Amino acid sequence: MSKALEVTDDSFEAEVLKSDTPVIVDFWAEWCGPCKMIAPILDELAVEYEGRVKITKVDVDSNNKTAGRYNILSIPSLLFFKNGEVVDQVVGALGKSQLTSRLEKVLA
């Protein structure tokens, strides 16, 4: 089972924009192959950074309002939020070491 928190158009503001900790938002879809490839990596990061970073997922097919708000045109797209602002963005599937180094910069 995924360690990432499912976020919807309705819960996005409370879970992401008002979060006390940095948040990674994974914009994904069930039919997206690369999205399935990075899901286990995000689950690992959710465990390793528990309490320091919140890992969330937004299904673009059922939450197109949020996806549109952030101009998500390709998936997977990862947006890194800190204090309600996007501070980094990754499009496509990255390896764990690349994601970890970007995450460390957000936490610095």
PDB file of N, CA and C in Angstrom:
ATOM      1  N   MET A   1       0.837  -1.197   0.000  1.00  0.00           N
ATOM      2  CA  MET A   1       0.000   0.000   0.000  1.00  0.00           C
ATOM      3  C   MET A   1       0.880   1.258   0.000  1.00  0.00           C
ATOM      4  N   SER A   2       0.418   2.253  -0.692  1.00  0.00           N
ATOM      5  CA  SER A   2       1.201   3.482  -0.830  1.00  0.00           C
ATOM      6  C   SER A   2       1.333   4.213   0.494  1.00  0.00           C
ATOM      7  N   LYS A   3       2.530   4.736   0.737  1.00  0.00           N
ATOM      8  CA  LYS A   3       2.788   5.553   1.927  1.00  0.00           C
ATOM      9  C   LYS A   3       2.456   7.022   1.650  1.00  0.00           C
ATOM     10  N   ALA A   4       2.262   7.344   0.376  1.00  0.00           N
ATOM     11  CA  ALA A   4       1.932   8.718  -0.007  1.00  0.00           C
ATOM     12  C   ALA A   4       0.456   8.994   0.293  1.00  0.00           C
ATOM     13  N   LEU A   5       0.190  10.206   0.692  1.00  0.00           N
ATOM     14  CA  LEU A   5      -1.162  10.627   1.023  1.00  0.00           C
ATOM     15  C   LEU A   5      -1.895  11.054  -0.245  1.00  0.00           C
ATOM     16  N   GLU A   6      -3.057  10.451  -0.485  1.00  0.00           N
ATOM     17  CA  GLU A   6      -3.873  10.851  -1.635  1.00  0.00           C
ATOM     18  C   GLU A   6      -4.492  12.220  -1.349  1.00  0.00           C
ATOM     19  N   VAL A   7      -4.272  13.164  -2.257  1.00  0.00           N
ATOM     20  CA  VAL A   7      -4.822  14.509  -2.098  1.00  0.00           C
ATOM     21  C   VAL A   7      -5.757  14.796  -3.270  1.00  0.00           C
ATOM     22  N   THR A   8      -6.854  15.468  -2.978  1.00  0.00           N
ATOM     23  CA  THR A   8      -7.842  15.805  -4.012  1.00  0.00           C
ATOM     24  C   THR A   8      -7.908  17.317  -4.197  1.00  0.00           C
ATOM     25  N   ASP A   9      -8.684  17.733  -5.196  1.00  0.00           N
ATOM     26  CA  ASP A   9      -8.914  19.172  -5.386  1.00  0.00           C
ATOM     27  C   ASP A   9      -9.404  19.800  -4.088  1.00  0.00           C
ATOM     28  N   ASP A  10     -10.260  19.076  -3.356  1.00  0.00           N
ATOM     29  CA  ASP A  10     -10.864  19.611  -2.129  1.00  0.00           C
ATOM     30  C   ASP A  10      -9.888  19.677  -0.950  1.00  0.00           C
ATOM     31  N   SER A  11      -8.950  18.724  -0.877  1.00  0.00           N
ATOM     32  CA  SER A  11      -8.054  18.685   0.287  1.00  0.00           C
ATOM     33  C   SER A  11      -6.679  19.309   0.005  1.00  0.00           C
ATOM     34  N   PHE A  12      -6.435  19.747  -1.227  1.00  0.00           N
ATOM     35  CA  PHE A  12      -5.108  20.237  -1.612  1.00  0.00           C
ATOM     36  C   PHE A  12      -4.641  21.409  -0.752  1.00  0.00           C
ATOM     37  N   GLU A  13      -5.505  22.376  -0.558  1.00  0.00           N
ATOM     38  CA  GLU A  13      -5.097  23.561   0.214  1.00  0.00           C
ATOM     39  C   GLU A  13      -4.699  23.194   1.631  1.00  0.00           C
ATOM     40  N   ALA A  14      -5.519  22.390   2.303  1.00  0.00           N
ATOM     41  CA  ALA A  14      -5.236  22.017   3.695  1.00  0.00           C
ATOM     42  C   ALA A  14      -3.994  21.143   3.805  1.00  0.00           C
ATOM     43  N   GLU A  15      -3.845  20.163   2.910  1.00  0.00           N
ATOM     44  CA  GLU A  15      -2.757  19.190   3.028  1.00  0.00           C
ATOM     45  C   GLU A  15      -1.423  19.699   2.474  1.00  0.00           C
ATOM     46  N   VAL A  16      -1.484  20.556   1.459  1.00  0.00           N
ATOM     47  CA  VAL A  16      -0.248  20.996   0.794  1.00  0.00           C
ATOM     48  C   VAL A  16       0.070  22.454   1.099  1.00  0.00           C
ATOM     49  N   LEU A  17      -0.822  23.346   0.743  1.00  0.00           N
ATOM     50  CA  LEU A  17      -0.531  24.782   0.860  1.00  0.00           C
ATOM     51  C   LEU A  17      -0.404  25.239   2.309  1.00  0.00           C
ATOM     52  N   LYS A  18      -1.119  24.589   3.217  1.00  0.00           N
ATOM     53  CA  LYS A  18      -1.073  24.999   4.634  1.00  0.00           C
ATOM     54  C   LYS A  18      -0.229  24.054   5.478  1.00  0.00           C
ATOM     55  N   SER A  19       0.547  23.184   4.847  1.00  0.00           N
ATOM     56  CA  SER A  19       1.363  22.220   5.587  1.00  0.00           C
ATOM     57  C   SER A  19       2.504  22.928   6.318  1.00  0.00           C
ATOM     58  N   ASP A  20       2.787  22.457   7.536  1.00  0.00           N
ATOM     59  CA  ASP A  20       3.898  23.000   8.323  1.00  0.00           C
ATOM     60  C   ASP A  20       5.250  22.475   7.827  1.00  0.00           C
ATOM     61  N   THR A  21       5.224  21.347   7.117  1.00  0.00           N
ATOM     62  CA  THR A  21       6.463  20.752   6.594  1.00  0.00           C
ATOM     63  C   THR A  21       6.458  20.854   5.075  1.00  0.00           C
ATOM     64  N   PRO A  22       7.635  20.773   4.448  1.00  0.00           N
ATOM     65  CA  PRO A  22       7.670  20.744   2.980  1.00  0.00           C
ATOM     66  C   PRO A  22       6.865  19.547   2.452  1.00  0.00           C
ATOM     67  N   VAL A  23       6.319  19.709   1.249  1.00  0.00           N
ATOM     68  CA  VAL A  23       5.471  18.677   0.650  1.00  0.00           C
ATOM     69  C   VAL A  23       5.945  18.393  -0.770  1.00  0.00           C
ATOM     70  N   ILE A  24       6.035  17.103  -1.107  1.00  0.00           N
ATOM     71  CA  ILE A  24       6.224  16.711  -2.503  1.00  0.00           C
ATOM     72  C   ILE A  24       4.864  16.262  -3.002  1.00  0.00           C
ATOM     73  N   VAL A  25       4.422  16.846  -4.112  1.00  0.00           N
ATOM     74  CA  VAL A  25       3.164  16.446  -4.732  1.00  0.00           C
ATOM     75  C   VAL A  25       3.490  15.710  -6.019  1.00  0.00           C
ATOM     76  N   ASP A  26       3.065  14.461  -6.093  1.00  0.00           N
ATOM     77  CA  ASP A  26       3.252  13.629  -7.270  1.00  0.00           C
ATOM     78  C   ASP A  26       1.964  13.689  -8.091  1.00  0.00           C
ATOM     79  N   PHE A  27       2.012  14.375  -9.236  1.00  0.00           N
ATOM     80  CA  PHE A  27       0.874  14.389 -10.149  1.00  0.00           C
ATOM     81  C   PHE A  27       1.000  13.159 -11.036  1.00  0.00           C
ATOM     82  N   TRP A  28       0.012  12.273 -10.990  1.00  0.00           N
ATOM     83  CA  TRP A  28       0.116  10.977 -11.643  1.00  0.00           C
ATOM     84  C   TRP A  28      -1.245  10.545 -12.194  1.00  0.00           C
ATOM     85  N   ALA A  29      -1.249   9.400 -12.883  1.00  0.00           N
ATOM     86  CA  ALA A  29      -2.495   8.773 -13.331  1.00  0.00           C
ATOM     87  C   ALA A  29      -2.299   7.262 -13.347  1.00  0.00           C
ATOM     88  N   GLU A  30      -3.396   6.549 -13.196  1.00  0.00           N
ATOM     89  CA  GLU A  30      -3.367   5.081 -13.132  1.00  0.00           C
ATOM     90  C   GLU A  30      -2.745   4.463 -14.385  1.00  0.00           C
ATOM     91  N   TRP A  31      -2.973   5.071 -15.531  1.00  0.00           N
ATOM     92  CA  TRP A  31      -2.524   4.508 -16.815  1.00  0.00           C
ATOM     93  C   TRP A  31      -1.076   4.874 -17.166  1.00  0.00           C
ATOM     94  N   CYS A  32      -0.404   5.639 -16.317  1.00  0.00           N
ATOM     95  CA  CYS A  32       0.931   6.175 -16.631  1.00  0.00           C
ATOM     96  C   CYS A  32       2.032   5.225 -16.145  1.00  0.00           C
ATOM     97  N   GLY A  33       2.757   4.624 -17.081  1.00  0.00           N
ATOM     98  CA  GLY A  33       3.834   3.698 -16.757  1.00  0.00           C
ATOM     99  C   GLY A  33       4.941   4.298 -15.901  1.00  0.00           C
ATOM    100  N   PRO A  34       5.537   5.438 -16.331  1.00  0.00           N
ATOM    101  CA  PRO A  34       6.588   6.063 -15.523  1.00  0.00           C
ATOM    102  C   PRO A  34       6.111   6.455 -14.120  1.00  0.00           C
ATOM    103  N   CYS A  35       4.827   6.782 -13.985  1.00  0.00           N
ATOM    104  CA  CYS A  35       4.273   7.114 -12.661  1.00  0.00           C
ATOM    105  C   CYS A  35       4.381   5.900 -11.740  1.00  0.00           C
ATOM    106  N   LYS A  36       4.101   4.720 -12.298  1.00  0.00           N
ATOM    107  CA  LYS A  36       4.174   3.488 -11.501  1.00  0.00           C
ATOM    108  C   LYS A  36       5.618   3.169 -11.149  1.00  0.00           C
ATOM    109  N   MET A  37       6.568   3.585 -11.998  1.00  0.00           N
ATOM    110  CA  MET A  37       7.977   3.327 -11.731  1.00  0.00           C
ATOM    111  C   MET A  37       8.482   4.135 -10.535  1.00  0.00           C
ATOM    112  N   ILE A  38       8.021   5.389 -10.392  1.00  0.00           N
ATOM    113  CA  ILE A  38       8.536   6.219  -9.294  1.00  0.00           C
ATOM    114  C   ILE A  38       7.749   6.048  -7.997  1.00  0.00           C
ATOM    115  N   ALA A  39       6.575   5.425  -8.057  1.00  0.00           N
ATOM    116  CA  ALA A  39       5.749   5.267  -6.853  1.00  0.00           C
ATOM    117  C   ALA A  39       6.498   4.573  -5.712  1.00  0.00           C
ATOM    118  N   PRO A  40       7.224   3.454  -5.971  1.00  0.00           N
ATOM    119  CA  PRO A  40       7.941   2.811  -4.857  1.00  0.00           C
ATOM    120  C   PRO A  40       9.050   3.701  -4.285  1.00  0.00           C
ATOM    121  N   ILE A  41       9.683   4.508  -5.121  1.00  0.00           N
ATOM    122  CA  ILE A  41      10.730   5.424  -4.650  1.00  0.00           C
ATOM    123  C   ILE A  41      10.112   6.464  -3.718  1.00  0.00           C
ATOM    124  N   LEU A  42       8.966   7.004  -4.107  1.00  0.00           N
ATOM    125  CA  LEU A  42       8.286   7.995  -3.265  1.00  0.00           C
ATOM    126  C   LEU A  42       7.838   7.369  -1.947  1.00  0.00           C
ATOM    127  N   ASP A  43       7.422   6.102  -1.994  1.00  0.00           N
ATOM    128  CA  ASP A  43       7.042   5.409  -0.755  1.00  0.00           C
ATOM    129  C   ASP A  43       8.248   5.280   0.174  1.00  0.00           C
ATOM    130  N   GLU A  44       9.413   4.955  -0.392  1.00  0.00           N
ATOM    131  CA  GLU A  44      10.635   4.861   0.422  1.00  0.00           C
ATOM    132  C   GLU A  44      10.973   6.210   1.047  1.00  0.00           C
ATOM    133  N   LEU A  45      10.887   7.276   0.245  1.00  0.00           N
ATOM    134  CA  LEU A  45      11.182   8.616   0.757  1.00  0.00           C
ATOM    135  C   LEU A  45      10.187   9.008   1.853  1.00  0.00           C
ATOM    136  N   ALA A  46       8.928   8.598   1.703  1.00  0.00           N
ATOM    137  CA  ALA A  46       7.911   8.912   2.707  1.00  0.00           C
ATOM    138  C   ALA A  46       8.295   8.312   4.057  1.00  0.00           C
ATOM    139  N   VAL A  47       8.866   7.119   4.042  1.00  0.00           N
ATOM    140  CA  VAL A  47       9.292   6.467   5.284  1.00  0.00           C
ATOM    141  C   VAL A  47      10.561   7.128   5.818  1.00  0.00           C
ATOM    142  N   GLU A  48      11.545   7.339   4.930  1.00  0.00           N
ATOM    143  CA  GLU A  48      12.836   7.888   5.354  1.00  0.00           C
ATOM    144  C   GLU A  48      12.730   9.320   5.874  1.00  0.00           C
ATOM    145  N   TYR A  49      11.814  10.103   5.320  1.00  0.00           N
ATOM    146  CA  TYR A  49      11.686  11.515   5.711  1.00  0.00           C
ATOM    147  C   TYR A  49      10.436  11.770   6.546  1.00  0.00           C
ATOM    148  N   GLU A  50       9.881  10.729   7.128  1.00  0.00           N
ATOM    149  CA  GLU A  50       8.660  10.869   7.917  1.00  0.00           C
ATOM    150  C   GLU A  50       8.838  11.931   8.997  1.00  0.00           C
ATOM    151  N   GLY A  51       7.853  12.835   9.089  1.00  0.00           N
ATOM    152  CA  GLY A  51       7.916  13.907  10.071  1.00  0.00           C
ATOM    153  C   GLY A  51       8.640  15.142   9.571  1.00  0.00           C
ATOM    154  N   ARG A  52       9.430  14.991   8.503  1.00  0.00           N
ATOM    155  CA  ARG A  52      10.183  16.127   7.948  1.00  0.00           C
ATOM    156  C   ARG A  52       9.622  16.591   6.609  1.00  0.00           C
ATOM    157  N   VAL A  53       9.044  15.645   5.855  1.00  0.00           N
ATOM    158  CA  VAL A  53       8.486  15.941   4.533  1.00  0.00           C
ATOM    159  C   VAL A  53       7.205  15.134   4.369  1.00  0.00           C
ATOM    160  N   LYS A  54       6.204  15.753   3.752  1.00  0.00           N
ATOM    161  CA  LYS A  54       4.965  15.042   3.461  1.00  0.00           C
ATOM    162  C   LYS A  54       4.979  14.677   1.969  1.00  0.00           C
ATOM    163  N   ILE A  55       4.748  13.398   1.679  1.00  0.00           N
ATOM    164  CA  ILE A  55       4.683  12.932   0.291  1.00  0.00           C
ATOM    165  C   ILE A  55       3.211  12.726  -0.057  1.00  0.00           C
ATOM    166  N   THR A  56       2.763  13.399  -1.117  1.00  0.00           N
ATOM    167  CA  THR A  56       1.351  13.303  -1.504  1.00  0.00           C
ATOM    168  C   THR A  56       1.232  12.952  -2.980  1.00  0.00           C
ATOM    169  N   LYS A  57       0.045  12.474  -3.355  1.00  0.00           N
ATOM    170  CA  LYS A  57      -0.237  12.116  -4.745  1.00  0.00           C
ATOM    171  C   LYS A  57      -1.539  12.783  -5.162  1.00  0.00           C
ATOM    172  N   VAL A  58      -1.549  13.323  -6.388  1.00  0.00           N
ATOM    173  CA  VAL A  58      -2.770  13.883  -6.957  1.00  0.00           C
ATOM    174  C   VAL A  58      -3.027  13.163  -8.276  1.00  0.00           C
ATOM    175  N   ASP A  59      -4.155  12.463  -8.361  1.00  0.00           N
ATOM    176  CA  ASP A  59      -4.551  11.785  -9.591  1.00  0.00           C
ATOM    177  C   ASP A  59      -5.097  12.847 -10.549  1.00  0.00           C
ATOM    178  N   VAL A  60      -4.378  13.074 -11.655  1.00  0.00           N
ATOM    179  CA  VAL A  60      -4.756  14.166 -12.564  1.00  0.00           C
ATOM    180  C   VAL A  60      -6.092  13.907 -13.246  1.00  0.00           C
ATOM    181  N   ASP A  61      -6.467  12.636 -13.409  1.00  0.00           N
ATOM    182  CA  ASP A  61      -7.738  12.334 -14.080  1.00  0.00           C
ATOM    183  C   ASP A  61      -8.946  12.740 -13.246  1.00  0.00           C
ATOM    184  N   SER A  62      -8.842  12.599 -11.921  1.00  0.00           N
ATOM    185  CA  SER A  62      -9.988  12.944 -11.090  1.00  0.00           C
ATOM    186  C   SER A  62      -9.827  14.279 -10.358  1.00  0.00           C
ATOM    187  N   ASN A  63      -8.682  14.932 -10.519  1.00  0.00           N
ATOM    188  CA  ASN A  63      -8.437  16.228  -9.862  1.00  0.00           C
ATOM    189  C   ASN A  63      -7.832  17.222 -10.855  1.00  0.00           C
ATOM    190  N   ASN A  64      -8.536  17.405 -11.970  1.00  0.00           N
ATOM    191  CA  ASN A  64      -7.971  18.250 -13.037  1.00  0.00           C
ATOM    192  C   ASN A  64      -7.941  19.735 -12.697  1.00  0.00           C
ATOM    193  N   LYS A  65      -8.697  20.145 -11.687  1.00  0.00           N
ATOM    194  CA  LYS A  65      -8.654  21.553 -11.271  1.00  0.00           C
ATOM    195  C   LYS A  65      -7.263  21.891 -10.716  1.00  0.00           C
ATOM    196  N   THR A  66      -6.760  21.042  -9.824  1.00  0.00           N
ATOM    197  CA  THR A  66      -5.434  21.270  -9.232  1.00  0.00           C
ATOM    198  C   THR A  66      -4.347  21.101 -10.290  1.00  0.00           C
ATOM    199  N   ALA A  67      -4.458  20.071 -11.126  1.00  0.00           N
ATOM    200  CA  ALA A  67      -3.468  19.847 -12.183  1.00  0.00           C
ATOM    201  C   ALA A  67      -3.422  21.055 -13.118  1.00  0.00           C
ATOM    202  N   GLY A  68      -4.578  21.607 -13.449  1.00  0.00           N
ATOM    203  CA  GLY A  68      -4.639  22.781 -14.326  1.00  0.00           C
ATOM    204  C   GLY A  68      -4.056  24.020 -13.674  1.00  0.00           C
ATOM    205  N   ARG A  69      -4.296  24.156 -12.384  1.00  0.00           N
ATOM    206  CA  ARG A  69      -3.798  25.321 -11.638  1.00  0.00           C
ATOM    207  C   ARG A  69      -2.267  25.403 -11.691  1.00  0.00           C
ATOM    208  N   TYR A  70      -1.614  24.225 -11.716  1.00  0.00           N
ATOM    209  CA  TYR A  70      -0.148  24.190 -11.744  1.00  0.00           C
ATOM    210  C   TYR A  70       0.406  23.821 -13.125  1.00  0.00           C
ATOM    211  N   ASN A  71      -0.457  23.957 -14.156  1.00  0.00           N
ATOM    212  CA  ASN A  71      -0.050  23.719 -15.549  1.00  0.00           C
ATOM    213  C   ASN A  71       0.654  22.380 -15.740  1.00  0.00           C
ATOM    214  N   ILE A  72       0.087  21.333 -15.159  1.00  0.00           N
ATOM    215  CA  ILE A  72       0.657  19.997 -15.310  1.00  0.00           C
ATOM    216  C   ILE A  72       0.271  19.470 -16.689  1.00  0.00           C
ATOM    217  N   LEU A  73       1.259  19.375 -17.579  1.00  0.00           N
ATOM    218  CA  LEU A  73       1.018  18.920 -18.943  1.00  0.00           C
ATOM    219  C   LEU A  73       1.578  17.531 -19.182  1.00  0.00           C
ATOM    220  N   SER A  74       2.586  17.145 -18.417  1.00  0.00           N
ATOM    221  CA  SER A  74       3.200  15.823 -18.533  1.00  0.00           C
ATOM    222  C   SER A  74       3.234  15.183 -17.160  1.00  0.00           C
ATOM    223  N   ILE A  75       3.046  13.868 -17.140  1.00  0.00           N
ATOM    224  CA  ILE A  75       3.154  13.157 -15.871  1.00  0.00           C
ATOM    225  C   ILE A  75       4.127  11.999 -16.038  1.00  0.00           C
ATOM    226  N   PRO A  76       4.812  11.603 -14.981  1.00  0.00           N
ATOM    227  CA  PRO A  76       4.705  12.181 -13.648  1.00  0.00           C
ATOM    228  C   PRO A  76       5.358  13.560 -13.569  1.00  0.00           C
ATOM    229  N   SER A  77       4.736  14.424 -12.807  1.00  0.00           N
ATOM    230  CA  SER A  77       5.312  15.721 -12.457  1.00  0.00           C
ATOM    231  C   SER A  77       5.340  15.800 -10.940  1.00  0.00           C
ATOM    232  N   LEU A  78       6.500  16.142 -10.405  1.00  0.00           N
ATOM    233  CA  LEU A  78       6.634  16.308  -8.964  1.00  0.00           C
ATOM    234  C   LEU A  78       6.842  17.781  -8.670  1.00  0.00           C
ATOM    235  N   LEU A  79       6.003  18.323  -7.809  1.00  0.00           N
ATOM    236  CA  LEU A  79       6.178  19.698  -7.367  1.00  0.00           C
ATOM    237  C   LEU A  79       6.589  19.661  -5.904  1.00  0.00           C
ATOM    238  N   PHE A  80       7.618  20.440  -5.581  1.00  0.00           N
ATOM    239  CA  PHE A  80       8.113  20.535  -4.206  1.00  0.00           C
ATOM    240  C   PHE A  80       7.586  21.843  -3.622  1.00  0.00           C
ATOM    241  N   PHE A  81       6.803  21.749  -2.571  1.00  0.00           N
ATOM    242  CA  PHE A  81       6.221  22.929  -1.929  1.00  0.00           C
ATOM    243  C   PHE A  81       6.898  23.178  -0.592  1.00  0.00           C
ATOM    244  N   LYS A  82       7.132  24.455  -0.306  1.00  0.00           N
ATOM    245  CA  LYS A  82       7.627  24.866   1.004  1.00  0.00           C
ATOM    246  C   LYS A  82       6.893  26.154   1.353  1.00  0.00           C
ATOM    247  N   ASN A  83       6.265  26.169   2.514  1.00  0.00           N
ATOM    248  CA  ASN A  83       5.471  27.330   2.947  1.00  0.00           C
ATOM    249  C   ASN A  83       4.421  27.723   1.906  1.00  0.00           C
ATOM    250  N   GLY A  84       3.810  26.730   1.273  1.00  0.00           N
ATOM    251  CA  GLY A  84       2.731  26.989   0.324  1.00  0.00           C
ATOM    252  C   GLY A  84       3.174  27.424  -1.057  1.00  0.00           C
ATOM    253  N   GLU A  85       4.486  27.489  -1.298  1.00  0.00           N
ATOM    254  CA  GLU A  85       5.014  27.932  -2.593  1.00  0.00           C
ATOM    255  C   GLU A  85       5.760  26.793  -3.278  1.00  0.00           C
ATOM    256  N   VAL A  86       5.675  26.757  -4.624  1.00  0.00           N
ATOM    257  CA  VAL A  86       6.453  25.777  -5.387  1.00  0.00           C
ATOM    258  C   VAL A  86       7.906  26.241  -5.408  1.00  0.00           C
ATOM    259  N   VAL A  87       8.811  25.396  -4.893  1.00  0.00           N
ATOM    260  CA  VAL A  87      10.232  25.757  -4.848  1.00  0.00           C
ATOM    261  C   VAL A  87      11.077  24.909  -5.804  1.00  0.00           C
ATOM    262  N   ASP A  88      10.499  23.820  -6.314  1.00  0.00           N
ATOM    263  CA  ASP A  88      11.214  22.983  -7.286  1.00  0.00           C
ATOM    264  C   ASP A  88      10.187  22.155  -8.032  1.00  0.00           C
ATOM    265  N   GLN A  89      10.560  21.696  -9.226  1.00  0.00           N
ATOM    266  CA  GLN A  89       9.649  20.900 -10.037  1.00  0.00           C
ATOM    267  C   GLN A  89      10.454  19.910 -10.865  1.00  0.00           C
ATOM    268  N   VAL A  90       9.958  18.693 -10.959  1.00  0.00           N
ATOM    269  CA  VAL A  90      10.591  17.646 -11.752  1.00  0.00           C
ATOM    270  C   VAL A  90       9.530  17.063 -12.667  1.00  0.00           C
ATOM    271  N   VAL A  91       9.840  16.962 -13.949  1.00  0.00           N
ATOM    272  CA  VAL A  91       8.935  16.306 -14.886  1.00  0.00           C
ATOM    273  C   VAL A  91       9.612  15.034 -15.367  1.00  0.00           C
ATOM    274  N   GLY A  92       8.898  13.914 -15.245  1.00  0.00           N
ATOM    275  CA  GLY A  92       9.462  12.636 -15.651  1.00  0.00           C
ATOM    276  C   GLY A  92       9.946  11.853 -14.450  1.00  0.00           C
ATOM    277  N   ALA A  93      10.323  10.599 -14.709  1.00  0.00           N
ATOM    278  CA  ALA A  93      10.743   9.700 -13.635  1.00  0.00           C
ATOM    279  C   ALA A  93      12.231   9.872 -13.358  1.00  0.00           C
ATOM    280  N   LEU A  94      12.564  10.295 -12.146  1.00  0.00           N
ATOM    281  CA  LEU A  94      13.958  10.405 -11.717  1.00  0.00           C
ATOM    282  C   LEU A  94      14.273   9.253 -10.780  1.00  0.00           C
ATOM    283  N   GLY A  95      15.558   8.948 -10.659  1.00  0.00           N
ATOM    284  CA  GLY A  95      16.001   7.926  -9.714  1.00  0.00           C
ATOM    285  C   GLY A  95      15.961   8.450  -8.291  1.00  0.00           C
ATOM    286  N   LYS A  96      16.102   7.541  -7.347  1.00  0.00           N
ATOM    287  CA  LYS A  96      16.012   7.909  -5.935  1.00  0.00           C
ATOM    288  C   LYS A  96      17.104   8.897  -5.525  1.00  0.00           C
ATOM    289  N   SER A  97      18.344   8.682  -6.003  1.00  0.00           N
ATOM    290  CA  SER A  97      19.430   9.583  -5.587  1.00  0.00           C
ATOM    291  C   SER A  97      19.184  11.009  -6.081  1.00  0.00           C
ATOM    292  N   GLN A  98      18.650  11.137  -7.305  1.00  0.00           N
ATOM    293  CA  GLN A  98      18.356  12.480  -7.829  1.00  0.00           C
ATOM    294  C   GLN A  98      17.231  13.140  -7.040  1.00  0.00           C
ATOM    295  N   LEU A  99      16.204  12.379  -6.714  1.00  0.00           N
ATOM    296  CA  LEU A  99      15.100  12.938  -5.931  1.00  0.00           C
ATOM    297  C   LEU A  99      15.556  13.309  -4.527  1.00  0.00           C
ATOM    298  N   THR A 100      16.396  12.471  -3.931  1.00  0.00           N
ATOM    299  CA  THR A 100      16.894  12.745  -2.580  1.00  0.00           C
ATOM    300  C   THR A 100      17.711  14.032  -2.556  1.00  0.00           C
ATOM    301  N   SER A 101      18.562  14.231  -3.555  1.00  0.00           N
ATOM    302  CA  SER A 101      19.389  15.452  -3.556  1.00  0.00           C
ATOM    303  C   SER A 101      18.525  16.698  -3.731  1.00  0.00           C
ATOM    304  N   ARG A 102      17.477  16.619  -4.544  1.00  0.00           N
ATOM    305  CA  ARG A 102      16.574  17.767  -4.704  1.00  0.00           C
ATOM    306  C   ARG A 102      15.781  18.022  -3.418  1.00  0.00           C
ATOM    307  N   LEU A 103      15.398  16.949  -2.766  1.00  0.00           N
ATOM    308  CA  LEU A 103      14.679  17.052  -1.516  1.00  0.00           C
ATOM    309  C   LEU A 103      15.544  17.680  -0.430  1.00  0.00           C
ATOM    310  N   GLU A 104      16.796  17.296  -0.379  1.00  0.00           N
ATOM    311  CA  GLU A 104      17.726  17.868   0.618  1.00  0.00           C
ATOM    312  C   GLU A 104      17.884  19.376   0.412  1.00  0.00           C
ATOM    313  N   LYS A 105      17.879  19.828  -0.842  1.00  0.00           N
ATOM    314  CA  LYS A 105      17.980  21.277  -1.118  1.00  0.00           C
ATOM    315  C   LYS A 105      16.758  22.009  -0.601  1.00  0.00           C
ATOM    316  N   VAL A 106      15.591  21.378  -0.743  1.00  0.00           N
ATOM    317  CA  VAL A 106      14.346  21.988  -0.244  1.00  0.00           C
ATOM    318  C   VAL A 106      14.385  22.085   1.282  1.00  0.00           C
ATOM    319  N   LEU A 107      14.960  21.083   1.924  1.00  0.00           N
ATOM    320  CA  LEU A 107      15.014  21.055   3.385  1.00  0.00           C
ATOM    321  C   LEU A 107      16.105  21.960   3.956  1.00  0.00           C
ATOM    322  N   ALA A 108      17.078  22.314   3.134  1.00  0.00           N
ATOM    323  CA  ALA A 108      18.238  23.098   3.617  1.00  0.00           C
ATOM    324  C   ALA A 108      17.815  24.488   4.079  1.00  0.00           C
TER     325      ALA A 108
END
